[in-house]
N, C-alpha and C. Protein backbone atom coordinates (compact mmCIF):
# COMPACT_ATOMS: atom_id res chain seq x y z
N MET A 1 47.48 -18.07 -45.25
CA MET A 1 48.30 -17.30 -44.29
C MET A 1 48.45 -18.08 -42.99
N ILE A 2 49.56 -17.82 -42.27
CA ILE A 2 49.91 -18.65 -41.14
C ILE A 2 48.92 -18.54 -39.98
N PHE A 3 48.20 -17.41 -39.86
CA PHE A 3 47.30 -17.27 -38.72
C PHE A 3 46.09 -18.19 -38.82
N TRP A 4 45.80 -18.71 -40.01
CA TRP A 4 44.63 -19.58 -40.15
C TRP A 4 44.79 -20.89 -39.40
N ALA A 5 46.01 -21.42 -39.36
CA ALA A 5 46.24 -22.71 -38.68
C ALA A 5 45.93 -22.64 -37.19
N PRO A 6 46.52 -21.70 -36.42
CA PRO A 6 46.18 -21.64 -35.00
C PRO A 6 44.75 -21.19 -34.74
N LEU A 7 44.21 -20.32 -35.60
CA LEU A 7 42.85 -19.84 -35.41
C LEU A 7 41.85 -20.97 -35.57
N LEU A 8 41.97 -21.73 -36.68
CA LEU A 8 41.04 -22.83 -36.92
C LEU A 8 41.24 -23.96 -35.92
N SER A 9 42.50 -24.23 -35.55
CA SER A 9 42.76 -25.25 -34.54
C SER A 9 42.14 -24.85 -33.21
N GLY A 10 42.27 -23.57 -32.87
CA GLY A 10 41.70 -23.08 -31.62
C GLY A 10 40.19 -23.17 -31.61
N ILE A 11 39.55 -22.82 -32.73
CA ILE A 11 38.08 -22.90 -32.82
C ILE A 11 37.61 -24.33 -32.61
N GLY A 12 38.26 -25.26 -33.31
CA GLY A 12 37.87 -26.67 -33.17
C GLY A 12 38.12 -27.19 -31.77
N PHE A 13 39.27 -26.86 -31.20
CA PHE A 13 39.60 -27.35 -29.87
C PHE A 13 38.69 -26.74 -28.82
N GLY A 14 38.41 -25.43 -28.95
CA GLY A 14 37.52 -24.78 -27.99
C GLY A 14 36.13 -25.37 -28.01
N PHE A 15 35.64 -25.72 -29.19
CA PHE A 15 34.32 -26.32 -29.33
C PHE A 15 34.30 -27.70 -28.69
N VAL A 16 35.34 -28.50 -28.97
CA VAL A 16 35.39 -29.87 -28.46
C VAL A 16 35.57 -29.90 -26.95
N VAL A 17 36.41 -29.03 -26.42
CA VAL A 17 36.65 -29.00 -24.98
C VAL A 17 35.39 -28.59 -24.22
N ALA A 18 34.61 -27.67 -24.80
CA ALA A 18 33.41 -27.18 -24.12
C ALA A 18 32.26 -28.18 -24.18
N ALA A 19 32.26 -29.05 -25.19
CA ALA A 19 31.09 -29.89 -25.45
C ALA A 19 30.80 -30.98 -24.43
N PRO A 20 31.79 -31.68 -23.86
CA PRO A 20 31.45 -32.79 -22.95
C PRO A 20 30.58 -32.36 -21.77
N VAL A 21 29.67 -33.25 -21.38
CA VAL A 21 28.79 -32.97 -20.24
C VAL A 21 29.58 -33.07 -18.94
N GLY A 22 29.48 -32.06 -18.13
CA GLY A 22 30.18 -32.01 -16.85
C GLY A 22 29.49 -31.01 -15.94
N PRO A 23 30.13 -30.67 -14.81
CA PRO A 23 29.49 -29.74 -13.88
C PRO A 23 29.17 -28.37 -14.48
N MET A 24 30.04 -27.87 -15.36
CA MET A 24 29.78 -26.55 -15.94
C MET A 24 28.61 -26.61 -16.92
N SER A 25 28.48 -27.72 -17.64
CA SER A 25 27.32 -27.88 -18.53
C SER A 25 26.03 -27.94 -17.73
N LEU A 26 26.08 -28.63 -16.59
CA LEU A 26 24.90 -28.72 -15.73
C LEU A 26 24.55 -27.36 -15.14
N LEU A 27 25.57 -26.60 -14.76
CA LEU A 27 25.32 -25.26 -14.22
C LEU A 27 24.69 -24.37 -15.29
N CYS A 28 25.20 -24.46 -16.50
CA CYS A 28 24.66 -23.67 -17.60
C CYS A 28 23.21 -24.07 -17.89
N MET A 29 22.95 -25.38 -17.89
CA MET A 29 21.60 -25.86 -18.13
C MET A 29 20.65 -25.39 -17.03
N ASN A 30 21.08 -25.50 -15.79
CA ASN A 30 20.25 -25.10 -14.66
C ASN A 30 19.88 -23.63 -14.74
N ARG A 31 20.86 -22.81 -15.05
CA ARG A 31 20.59 -21.36 -15.12
C ARG A 31 19.71 -21.01 -16.31
N THR A 32 19.90 -21.72 -17.42
CA THR A 32 19.06 -21.46 -18.59
C THR A 32 17.60 -21.78 -18.28
N LEU A 33 17.36 -22.91 -17.63
CA LEU A 33 16.00 -23.33 -17.31
C LEU A 33 15.37 -22.46 -16.22
N GLN A 34 16.18 -22.02 -15.26
CA GLN A 34 15.63 -21.25 -14.14
C GLN A 34 15.56 -19.77 -14.42
N GLN A 35 16.61 -19.23 -15.09
CA GLN A 35 16.70 -17.78 -15.23
C GLN A 35 16.58 -17.28 -16.66
N GLY A 36 16.59 -18.20 -17.61
CA GLY A 36 16.37 -17.80 -18.98
C GLY A 36 17.62 -17.81 -19.85
N PHE A 37 17.41 -17.45 -21.10
CA PHE A 37 18.44 -17.53 -22.14
C PHE A 37 19.66 -16.68 -21.81
N ARG A 38 19.45 -15.44 -21.38
CA ARG A 38 20.58 -14.53 -21.15
C ARG A 38 21.47 -15.01 -20.01
N ALA A 39 20.86 -15.54 -18.95
CA ALA A 39 21.65 -16.04 -17.82
C ALA A 39 22.47 -17.26 -18.24
N GLY A 40 21.86 -18.15 -19.02
CA GLY A 40 22.59 -19.33 -19.50
C GLY A 40 23.73 -18.94 -20.43
N LEU A 41 23.46 -17.97 -21.31
CA LEU A 41 24.49 -17.54 -22.25
C LEU A 41 25.63 -16.85 -21.53
N ALA A 42 25.31 -16.04 -20.52
CA ALA A 42 26.36 -15.38 -19.73
C ALA A 42 27.23 -16.41 -19.02
N THR A 43 26.61 -17.48 -18.53
CA THR A 43 27.36 -18.55 -17.89
C THR A 43 28.31 -19.21 -18.88
N GLY A 44 27.82 -19.51 -20.07
CA GLY A 44 28.66 -20.11 -21.10
C GLY A 44 29.79 -19.20 -21.55
N PHE A 45 29.49 -17.92 -21.70
CA PHE A 45 30.52 -16.98 -22.13
C PHE A 45 31.58 -16.78 -21.04
N GLY A 46 31.19 -16.91 -19.77
CA GLY A 46 32.17 -16.85 -18.69
C GLY A 46 33.14 -18.00 -18.78
N ILE A 47 32.63 -19.19 -19.12
CA ILE A 47 33.48 -20.36 -19.30
C ILE A 47 34.42 -20.16 -20.50
N ALA A 48 33.87 -19.63 -21.60
CA ALA A 48 34.67 -19.39 -22.79
C ALA A 48 35.77 -18.37 -22.51
N LEU A 49 35.46 -17.37 -21.70
CA LEU A 49 36.45 -16.35 -21.36
C LEU A 49 37.60 -16.94 -20.55
N ALA A 50 37.27 -17.83 -19.62
CA ALA A 50 38.31 -18.49 -18.82
C ALA A 50 39.15 -19.42 -19.70
N ASP A 51 38.50 -20.13 -20.63
CA ASP A 51 39.24 -20.97 -21.57
C ASP A 51 40.24 -20.13 -22.37
N ALA A 52 39.79 -18.96 -22.82
CA ALA A 52 40.67 -18.08 -23.58
C ALA A 52 41.83 -17.60 -22.72
N GLY A 53 41.55 -17.33 -21.43
CA GLY A 53 42.60 -16.88 -20.53
C GLY A 53 43.67 -17.94 -20.34
N TYR A 54 43.24 -19.19 -20.14
CA TYR A 54 44.21 -20.27 -19.99
C TYR A 54 44.97 -20.50 -21.29
N ALA A 55 44.28 -20.37 -22.41
CA ALA A 55 44.97 -20.53 -23.70
C ALA A 55 46.00 -19.43 -23.91
N LEU A 56 45.66 -18.22 -23.46
CA LEU A 56 46.60 -17.10 -23.58
C LEU A 56 47.85 -17.36 -22.75
N VAL A 57 47.65 -17.99 -21.60
CA VAL A 57 48.79 -18.32 -20.74
C VAL A 57 49.74 -19.28 -21.45
N THR A 58 49.19 -20.22 -22.20
CA THR A 58 50.04 -21.23 -22.85
C THR A 58 50.93 -20.62 -23.93
N VAL A 59 50.54 -19.47 -24.49
CA VAL A 59 51.36 -18.87 -25.54
C VAL A 59 52.22 -17.73 -25.00
N THR A 60 52.14 -17.47 -23.71
CA THR A 60 52.93 -16.38 -23.13
C THR A 60 53.83 -16.88 -22.00
N SER A 61 53.24 -17.16 -20.86
CA SER A 61 54.06 -17.49 -19.68
C SER A 61 53.57 -18.77 -19.04
N PHE A 62 53.51 -19.84 -19.80
CA PHE A 62 52.98 -21.10 -19.29
C PHE A 62 53.74 -21.57 -18.05
N ARG A 63 55.06 -21.52 -18.09
CA ARG A 63 55.84 -22.09 -16.99
C ARG A 63 55.53 -21.38 -15.67
N VAL A 64 55.44 -20.05 -15.69
CA VAL A 64 55.18 -19.29 -14.47
C VAL A 64 53.82 -19.66 -13.89
N VAL A 65 52.79 -19.66 -14.74
CA VAL A 65 51.44 -19.94 -14.25
C VAL A 65 51.30 -21.41 -13.88
N ASN A 66 51.97 -22.29 -14.60
CA ASN A 66 51.92 -23.70 -14.25
C ASN A 66 52.53 -23.95 -12.87
N ASP A 67 53.62 -23.26 -12.57
CA ASP A 67 54.22 -23.38 -11.24
C ASP A 67 53.25 -22.89 -10.17
N PHE A 68 52.54 -21.80 -10.47
CA PHE A 68 51.58 -21.25 -9.50
C PHE A 68 50.43 -22.21 -9.26
N THR A 69 49.83 -22.72 -10.35
CA THR A 69 48.69 -23.62 -10.20
C THR A 69 49.10 -24.95 -9.56
N SER A 70 50.35 -25.37 -9.79
CA SER A 70 50.82 -26.60 -9.15
C SER A 70 50.98 -26.39 -7.64
N ALA A 71 51.48 -25.21 -7.27
CA ALA A 71 51.70 -24.91 -5.86
C ALA A 71 50.40 -24.73 -5.10
N TYR A 72 49.40 -24.19 -5.79
CA TYR A 72 48.13 -23.88 -5.12
C TYR A 72 46.98 -24.72 -5.68
N ALA A 73 47.29 -25.92 -6.16
CA ALA A 73 46.27 -26.78 -6.76
C ALA A 73 45.18 -27.13 -5.75
N LEU A 74 45.58 -27.44 -4.51
CA LEU A 74 44.60 -27.84 -3.50
C LEU A 74 43.62 -26.72 -3.17
N PRO A 75 44.08 -25.51 -2.79
CA PRO A 75 43.09 -24.45 -2.51
C PRO A 75 42.25 -24.07 -3.72
N LEU A 76 42.83 -24.15 -4.92
CA LEU A 76 42.05 -23.85 -6.12
C LEU A 76 40.93 -24.86 -6.31
N ARG A 77 41.26 -26.15 -6.17
CA ARG A 77 40.25 -27.19 -6.35
C ARG A 77 39.20 -27.14 -5.25
N LEU A 78 39.63 -26.89 -4.03
CA LEU A 78 38.67 -26.81 -2.92
C LEU A 78 37.73 -25.63 -3.07
N SER A 79 38.29 -24.47 -3.41
CA SER A 79 37.45 -23.28 -3.56
C SER A 79 36.47 -23.44 -4.72
N GLY A 80 36.95 -24.03 -5.82
CA GLY A 80 36.07 -24.26 -6.95
C GLY A 80 34.95 -25.24 -6.62
N SER A 81 35.29 -26.32 -5.90
CA SER A 81 34.28 -27.31 -5.52
C SER A 81 33.27 -26.72 -4.54
N LEU A 82 33.76 -25.93 -3.59
CA LEU A 82 32.85 -25.30 -2.63
C LEU A 82 31.91 -24.32 -3.31
N LEU A 83 32.44 -23.53 -4.24
CA LEU A 83 31.60 -22.58 -4.96
C LEU A 83 30.55 -23.31 -5.78
N LEU A 84 30.95 -24.40 -6.42
CA LEU A 84 30.01 -25.19 -7.20
C LEU A 84 28.90 -25.74 -6.31
N GLY A 85 29.27 -26.22 -5.11
CA GLY A 85 28.27 -26.72 -4.18
C GLY A 85 27.32 -25.65 -3.71
N LEU A 86 27.85 -24.45 -3.45
CA LEU A 86 27.00 -23.34 -3.02
C LEU A 86 26.00 -22.94 -4.11
N LEU A 87 26.48 -22.94 -5.35
CA LEU A 87 25.58 -22.61 -6.46
C LEU A 87 24.50 -23.68 -6.62
N GLY A 88 24.90 -24.95 -6.46
CA GLY A 88 23.91 -26.02 -6.54
C GLY A 88 22.89 -25.93 -5.43
N ALA A 89 23.35 -25.64 -4.20
CA ALA A 89 22.44 -25.52 -3.06
C ALA A 89 21.51 -24.33 -3.24
N LYS A 90 22.04 -23.23 -3.75
CA LYS A 90 21.21 -22.04 -3.98
C LYS A 90 20.13 -22.34 -5.01
N SER A 91 20.51 -23.06 -6.06
CA SER A 91 19.54 -23.42 -7.09
C SER A 91 18.50 -24.39 -6.54
N LEU A 92 18.94 -25.32 -5.69
CA LEU A 92 18.02 -26.29 -5.11
C LEU A 92 17.01 -25.62 -4.18
N LEU A 93 17.48 -24.67 -3.39
CA LEU A 93 16.60 -23.98 -2.45
C LEU A 93 15.64 -23.03 -3.17
N ARG A 94 16.08 -22.54 -4.34
CA ARG A 94 15.22 -21.61 -5.06
C ARG A 94 13.94 -22.31 -5.51
N GLY A 95 14.11 -23.55 -6.03
CA GLY A 95 12.97 -24.38 -6.40
C GLY A 95 11.93 -23.67 -7.24
N GLU A 96 10.69 -23.76 -6.82
CA GLU A 96 9.59 -23.19 -7.59
C GLU A 96 9.56 -21.68 -7.53
N SER A 97 10.35 -21.08 -6.63
CA SER A 97 10.34 -19.62 -6.52
C SER A 97 11.35 -18.98 -7.45
N ALA A 98 11.87 -19.76 -8.42
CA ALA A 98 12.86 -19.24 -9.36
C ALA A 98 12.30 -18.05 -10.11
N SER A 99 13.21 -17.15 -10.48
CA SER A 99 12.81 -15.96 -11.22
C SER A 99 12.16 -16.33 -12.53
N LYS A 100 11.31 -15.49 -13.02
CA LYS A 100 10.67 -15.72 -14.31
C LYS A 100 11.74 -15.69 -15.40
N PRO A 101 11.77 -16.70 -16.29
CA PRO A 101 12.80 -16.74 -17.33
C PRO A 101 12.84 -15.47 -18.15
N ASP A 102 14.07 -15.14 -18.61
CA ASP A 102 14.33 -13.98 -19.45
C ASP A 102 14.09 -12.66 -18.74
N SER A 103 13.94 -12.65 -17.43
CA SER A 103 13.83 -11.40 -16.70
C SER A 103 14.63 -11.49 -15.40
N PRO A 104 15.93 -11.84 -15.49
CA PRO A 104 16.74 -11.96 -14.30
C PRO A 104 17.00 -10.61 -13.67
N ARG A 105 17.44 -10.58 -12.42
CA ARG A 105 17.74 -9.35 -11.74
C ARG A 105 18.85 -8.62 -12.48
N SER A 106 18.96 -7.33 -12.23
CA SER A 106 19.96 -6.53 -12.94
C SER A 106 21.37 -7.02 -12.66
N SER A 107 21.58 -7.63 -11.46
CA SER A 107 22.91 -8.13 -11.12
C SER A 107 23.10 -9.57 -11.57
N GLY A 108 22.06 -10.19 -12.16
CA GLY A 108 22.13 -11.61 -12.48
C GLY A 108 23.12 -11.93 -13.58
N ILE A 109 23.14 -11.14 -14.64
CA ILE A 109 24.00 -11.43 -15.78
C ILE A 109 25.48 -11.32 -15.41
N PRO A 110 25.93 -10.21 -14.80
CA PRO A 110 27.34 -10.15 -14.39
C PRO A 110 27.72 -11.26 -13.40
N TYR A 111 26.80 -11.60 -12.51
CA TYR A 111 27.06 -12.66 -11.54
C TYR A 111 27.23 -14.00 -12.22
N CYS A 112 26.37 -14.31 -13.19
CA CYS A 112 26.47 -15.57 -13.93
C CYS A 112 27.79 -15.64 -14.69
N LEU A 113 28.17 -14.53 -15.30
CA LEU A 113 29.42 -14.47 -16.07
C LEU A 113 30.63 -14.65 -15.16
N LEU A 114 30.67 -13.90 -14.06
CA LEU A 114 31.83 -13.93 -13.18
C LEU A 114 31.97 -15.27 -12.46
N SER A 115 30.87 -15.81 -11.96
CA SER A 115 30.95 -17.06 -11.21
C SER A 115 31.41 -18.22 -12.09
N SER A 116 30.91 -18.31 -13.32
CA SER A 116 31.34 -19.39 -14.22
C SER A 116 32.79 -19.19 -14.65
N PHE A 117 33.21 -17.94 -14.80
CA PHE A 117 34.60 -17.62 -15.13
C PHE A 117 35.53 -18.11 -14.03
N LEU A 118 35.19 -17.80 -12.77
CA LEU A 118 36.03 -18.19 -11.63
C LEU A 118 36.04 -19.71 -11.44
N LEU A 119 34.89 -20.34 -11.64
CA LEU A 119 34.81 -21.79 -11.50
C LEU A 119 35.71 -22.49 -12.51
N THR A 120 35.72 -22.00 -13.73
CA THR A 120 36.56 -22.60 -14.76
C THR A 120 38.04 -22.37 -14.47
N LEU A 121 38.38 -21.19 -13.98
CA LEU A 121 39.76 -20.91 -13.62
C LEU A 121 40.24 -21.79 -12.47
N ALA A 122 39.31 -22.24 -11.63
CA ALA A 122 39.68 -23.05 -10.47
C ALA A 122 40.02 -24.49 -10.85
N ASN A 123 40.03 -24.80 -12.14
CA ASN A 123 40.39 -26.14 -12.61
C ASN A 123 41.71 -26.07 -13.38
N PRO A 124 42.85 -26.20 -12.68
CA PRO A 124 44.15 -26.07 -13.34
C PRO A 124 44.40 -27.10 -14.44
N ALA A 125 43.65 -28.19 -14.43
CA ALA A 125 43.85 -29.22 -15.46
C ALA A 125 43.57 -28.66 -16.85
N THR A 126 42.73 -27.62 -16.93
CA THR A 126 42.44 -26.99 -18.21
C THR A 126 43.70 -26.45 -18.85
N LEU A 127 44.57 -25.90 -18.01
CA LEU A 127 45.83 -25.33 -18.51
C LEU A 127 46.67 -26.39 -19.21
N LEU A 128 46.69 -27.59 -18.65
CA LEU A 128 47.49 -28.67 -19.24
C LEU A 128 46.93 -29.09 -20.61
N SER A 129 45.60 -29.05 -20.74
CA SER A 129 44.98 -29.40 -22.02
C SER A 129 45.41 -28.43 -23.11
N PHE A 130 45.40 -27.15 -22.78
CA PHE A 130 45.78 -26.14 -23.77
C PHE A 130 47.29 -26.18 -24.05
N ALA A 131 48.07 -26.54 -23.03
CA ALA A 131 49.51 -26.67 -23.24
C ALA A 131 49.80 -27.81 -24.21
N ALA A 132 49.06 -28.91 -24.06
CA ALA A 132 49.24 -30.05 -24.97
C ALA A 132 48.87 -29.66 -26.40
N LEU A 133 47.80 -28.89 -26.55
CA LEU A 133 47.41 -28.43 -27.88
C LEU A 133 48.50 -27.53 -28.47
N SER A 134 48.99 -26.60 -27.65
CA SER A 134 50.02 -25.68 -28.12
C SER A 134 51.26 -26.42 -28.59
N ALA A 135 51.66 -27.45 -27.83
CA ALA A 135 52.84 -28.22 -28.20
C ALA A 135 52.62 -29.01 -29.48
N SER A 136 51.41 -29.54 -29.65
CA SER A 136 51.11 -30.36 -30.83
C SER A 136 51.09 -29.54 -32.11
N LEU A 137 50.85 -28.24 -32.00
CA LEU A 137 50.77 -27.38 -33.18
C LEU A 137 52.14 -26.92 -33.66
N GLY A 138 53.15 -27.08 -32.83
CA GLY A 138 54.48 -26.63 -33.21
C GLY A 138 54.76 -25.23 -32.71
N THR A 139 55.98 -24.78 -32.92
CA THR A 139 56.44 -23.50 -32.35
C THR A 139 55.65 -22.31 -32.89
N ALA A 140 55.49 -22.25 -34.21
CA ALA A 140 54.85 -21.08 -34.81
C ALA A 140 53.38 -20.98 -34.45
N ALA A 141 52.62 -22.03 -34.74
CA ALA A 141 51.18 -21.99 -34.48
C ALA A 141 50.87 -22.05 -33.00
N GLY A 142 51.66 -22.86 -32.25
CA GLY A 142 51.38 -23.04 -30.83
C GLY A 142 51.65 -21.83 -29.99
N SER A 143 52.45 -20.90 -30.50
CA SER A 143 52.74 -19.67 -29.77
C SER A 143 52.03 -18.46 -30.35
N SER A 144 51.10 -18.69 -31.27
CA SER A 144 50.39 -17.60 -31.92
C SER A 144 49.27 -17.07 -31.04
N TRP A 145 49.09 -15.76 -31.07
CA TRP A 145 48.00 -15.14 -30.30
C TRP A 145 46.64 -15.45 -30.91
N PHE A 146 46.62 -15.98 -32.12
CA PHE A 146 45.34 -16.36 -32.73
C PHE A 146 44.79 -17.64 -32.12
N LEU A 147 45.66 -18.41 -31.43
CA LEU A 147 45.20 -19.65 -30.79
C LEU A 147 44.18 -19.37 -29.69
N PRO A 148 44.47 -18.51 -28.70
CA PRO A 148 43.44 -18.23 -27.69
C PRO A 148 42.20 -17.56 -28.27
N ALA A 149 42.37 -16.75 -29.32
CA ALA A 149 41.21 -16.12 -29.95
C ALA A 149 40.30 -17.19 -30.56
N GLY A 150 40.91 -18.18 -31.21
CA GLY A 150 40.13 -19.27 -31.79
C GLY A 150 39.45 -20.11 -30.73
N ILE A 151 40.16 -20.40 -29.63
CA ILE A 151 39.57 -21.19 -28.54
C ILE A 151 38.38 -20.46 -27.93
N ALA A 152 38.51 -19.17 -27.72
CA ALA A 152 37.39 -18.38 -27.19
C ALA A 152 36.19 -18.43 -28.13
N ALA A 153 36.45 -18.29 -29.43
CA ALA A 153 35.37 -18.33 -30.42
C ALA A 153 34.70 -19.70 -30.47
N GLY A 154 35.51 -20.76 -30.48
CA GLY A 154 34.95 -22.11 -30.53
C GLY A 154 34.13 -22.44 -29.30
N SER A 155 34.65 -22.10 -28.13
CA SER A 155 33.92 -22.35 -26.89
C SER A 155 32.63 -21.55 -26.84
N ALA A 156 32.70 -20.27 -27.23
CA ALA A 156 31.50 -19.42 -27.23
C ALA A 156 30.45 -19.96 -28.19
N CYS A 157 30.87 -20.47 -29.34
CA CYS A 157 29.92 -21.04 -30.31
C CYS A 157 29.20 -22.25 -29.73
N TRP A 158 29.95 -23.09 -29.01
CA TRP A 158 29.31 -24.25 -28.39
C TRP A 158 28.25 -23.81 -27.37
N TRP A 159 28.60 -22.87 -26.51
CA TRP A 159 27.65 -22.45 -25.46
C TRP A 159 26.44 -21.75 -26.05
N LEU A 160 26.64 -21.01 -27.14
CA LEU A 160 25.50 -20.39 -27.81
C LEU A 160 24.57 -21.46 -28.36
N LEU A 161 25.14 -22.49 -28.99
CA LEU A 161 24.34 -23.59 -29.52
C LEU A 161 23.65 -24.35 -28.40
N PHE A 162 24.38 -24.65 -27.34
CA PHE A 162 23.85 -25.42 -26.21
C PHE A 162 22.68 -24.69 -25.55
N VAL A 163 22.85 -23.41 -25.27
CA VAL A 163 21.80 -22.63 -24.61
C VAL A 163 20.59 -22.45 -25.52
N SER A 164 20.85 -22.25 -26.81
CA SER A 164 19.74 -22.09 -27.76
C SER A 164 18.89 -23.35 -27.83
N ILE A 165 19.55 -24.52 -27.86
CA ILE A 165 18.81 -25.79 -27.89
C ILE A 165 18.02 -25.98 -26.60
N LEU A 166 18.65 -25.66 -25.47
CA LEU A 166 17.96 -25.78 -24.18
C LEU A 166 16.73 -24.88 -24.13
N LYS A 167 16.89 -23.66 -24.60
CA LYS A 167 15.77 -22.72 -24.59
C LYS A 167 14.64 -23.21 -25.48
N TRP A 168 14.99 -23.76 -26.62
CA TRP A 168 13.97 -24.27 -27.54
C TRP A 168 13.25 -25.47 -26.93
N ILE A 169 14.02 -26.37 -26.31
CA ILE A 169 13.43 -27.56 -25.69
C ILE A 169 12.55 -27.18 -24.50
N SER A 170 13.03 -26.23 -23.68
CA SER A 170 12.28 -25.87 -22.47
C SER A 170 10.89 -25.33 -22.79
N GLY A 171 10.76 -24.71 -23.96
CA GLY A 171 9.45 -24.20 -24.34
C GLY A 171 8.45 -25.28 -24.67
N LYS A 172 8.94 -26.50 -24.87
CA LYS A 172 8.07 -27.62 -25.21
C LYS A 172 7.85 -28.57 -24.03
N LEU A 173 8.46 -28.25 -22.89
CA LEU A 173 8.33 -29.10 -21.71
C LEU A 173 7.28 -28.56 -20.76
N SER A 174 6.68 -29.46 -20.00
CA SER A 174 5.72 -29.03 -18.99
C SER A 174 6.46 -28.37 -17.84
N ALA A 175 5.74 -27.54 -17.08
CA ALA A 175 6.36 -26.84 -15.95
C ALA A 175 6.89 -27.82 -14.90
N SER A 176 6.17 -28.91 -14.68
CA SER A 176 6.59 -29.89 -13.68
C SER A 176 7.87 -30.60 -14.10
N PHE A 177 7.98 -30.92 -15.40
CA PHE A 177 9.18 -31.60 -15.88
C PHE A 177 10.38 -30.65 -15.86
N THR A 178 10.16 -29.39 -16.21
CA THR A 178 11.23 -28.40 -16.15
C THR A 178 11.73 -28.23 -14.72
N LEU A 179 10.79 -28.20 -13.77
CA LEU A 179 11.16 -28.11 -12.36
C LEU A 179 11.98 -29.33 -11.94
N TRP A 180 11.57 -30.50 -12.41
CA TRP A 180 12.32 -31.73 -12.10
C TRP A 180 13.73 -31.66 -12.64
N LEU A 181 13.90 -31.15 -13.86
CA LEU A 181 15.23 -30.99 -14.43
C LEU A 181 16.08 -30.02 -13.61
N ASN A 182 15.44 -28.91 -13.19
CA ASN A 182 16.15 -27.93 -12.37
C ASN A 182 16.68 -28.56 -11.09
N LEU A 183 15.79 -29.26 -10.38
CA LEU A 183 16.17 -29.85 -9.10
C LEU A 183 17.21 -30.96 -9.29
N SER A 184 17.04 -31.76 -10.35
CA SER A 184 18.00 -32.84 -10.61
C SER A 184 19.39 -32.29 -10.91
N SER A 185 19.45 -31.25 -11.74
CA SER A 185 20.76 -30.67 -12.07
C SER A 185 21.39 -30.04 -10.84
N ALA A 186 20.57 -29.45 -9.96
CA ALA A 186 21.11 -28.85 -8.73
C ALA A 186 21.70 -29.92 -7.82
N VAL A 187 21.00 -31.04 -7.69
CA VAL A 187 21.50 -32.13 -6.86
C VAL A 187 22.81 -32.69 -7.41
N ILE A 188 22.88 -32.86 -8.74
CA ILE A 188 24.09 -33.39 -9.35
C ILE A 188 25.26 -32.42 -9.18
N LEU A 189 24.98 -31.12 -9.24
CA LEU A 189 26.03 -30.12 -8.99
C LEU A 189 26.60 -30.28 -7.58
N ILE A 190 25.71 -30.50 -6.61
CA ILE A 190 26.16 -30.70 -5.23
C ILE A 190 27.01 -31.97 -5.12
N LEU A 191 26.61 -33.03 -5.82
CA LEU A 191 27.38 -34.26 -5.81
C LEU A 191 28.76 -34.06 -6.45
N PHE A 192 28.80 -33.32 -7.55
CA PHE A 192 30.09 -32.99 -8.17
C PHE A 192 30.97 -32.22 -7.18
N SER A 193 30.34 -31.31 -6.43
CA SER A 193 31.07 -30.52 -5.45
C SER A 193 31.68 -31.42 -4.37
N LEU A 194 30.88 -32.33 -3.84
CA LEU A 194 31.36 -33.24 -2.80
C LEU A 194 32.49 -34.14 -3.33
N TYR A 195 32.32 -34.61 -4.56
CA TYR A 195 33.35 -35.45 -5.17
C TYR A 195 34.65 -34.66 -5.34
N GLY A 196 34.54 -33.40 -5.79
CA GLY A 196 35.72 -32.56 -5.96
C GLY A 196 36.44 -32.31 -4.65
N ILE A 197 35.67 -32.07 -3.58
CA ILE A 197 36.27 -31.84 -2.27
C ILE A 197 36.99 -33.08 -1.78
N LEU A 198 36.34 -34.24 -1.91
CA LEU A 198 36.93 -35.49 -1.44
C LEU A 198 38.21 -35.84 -2.21
N THR A 199 38.17 -35.69 -3.53
CA THR A 199 39.36 -36.02 -4.32
C THR A 199 40.49 -35.04 -4.04
N ALA A 200 40.15 -33.77 -3.79
CA ALA A 200 41.19 -32.78 -3.47
C ALA A 200 41.84 -33.11 -2.14
N LEU A 201 41.03 -33.47 -1.16
CA LEU A 201 41.57 -33.80 0.16
C LEU A 201 42.38 -35.10 0.12
N ASN A 202 41.95 -36.05 -0.67
CA ASN A 202 42.69 -37.30 -0.81
C ASN A 202 44.05 -37.08 -1.49
N GLY A 203 44.16 -36.00 -2.27
CA GLY A 203 45.41 -35.69 -2.94
C GLY A 203 46.40 -34.92 -2.10
N MET A 204 46.01 -34.63 -0.84
CA MET A 204 46.90 -33.85 0.02
C MET A 204 48.17 -34.62 0.36
N ASP A 205 48.14 -35.95 0.23
CA ASP A 205 49.33 -36.74 0.57
C ASP A 205 50.35 -36.79 -0.55
N GLY A 206 50.04 -36.05 -1.64
CA GLY A 206 50.98 -35.98 -2.76
C GLY A 206 50.56 -36.80 -3.95
N THR A 207 49.54 -37.68 -3.78
CA THR A 207 49.07 -38.46 -4.91
C THR A 207 48.18 -37.62 -5.78
N ARG A 208 48.07 -38.00 -7.08
CA ARG A 208 47.24 -37.25 -8.02
C ARG A 208 46.24 -38.21 -8.68
């Protein structure tokens, strides 16, 4: 049946897009190590939800949203970079006083989900990736509503695997090494934030 092509393509693409190591992977790792499995999984699912949202745009109103993200690319990139830096600084300052894993505050899970969702949305380049996929699949499959469903499923599967592996590994690490990983990932998040701010400001002259 025709829905299998966009669904399977979406699953594979969602998995591949989510897999590369980047600031969102570091954020997910940091939260998993500091706050536990549920916080890390919520972070990953927030990313998967944003991926699905951008994929949905590509099969409905790509041109409208592309015009919007092009017009507001600078504030989107700046706000995303600033939020990433704030999260990194918060994680860095938390240090050894981090919450006990698997027992985050009642507001922790929604916060992890929402913040990662907004951070992913603040990267308009994601939209172009999904637009390229949609075009490569052709008119029928590329405009199918099963495409964003598949991308959401593929991305969610990657984050579930990633967080599960992290949780398994963290149980075999010493407390000092886990703390070192937490602090290192927080510092790298801040560096990613600074890099994002600088590149966004350098692009104000019209260069990309």
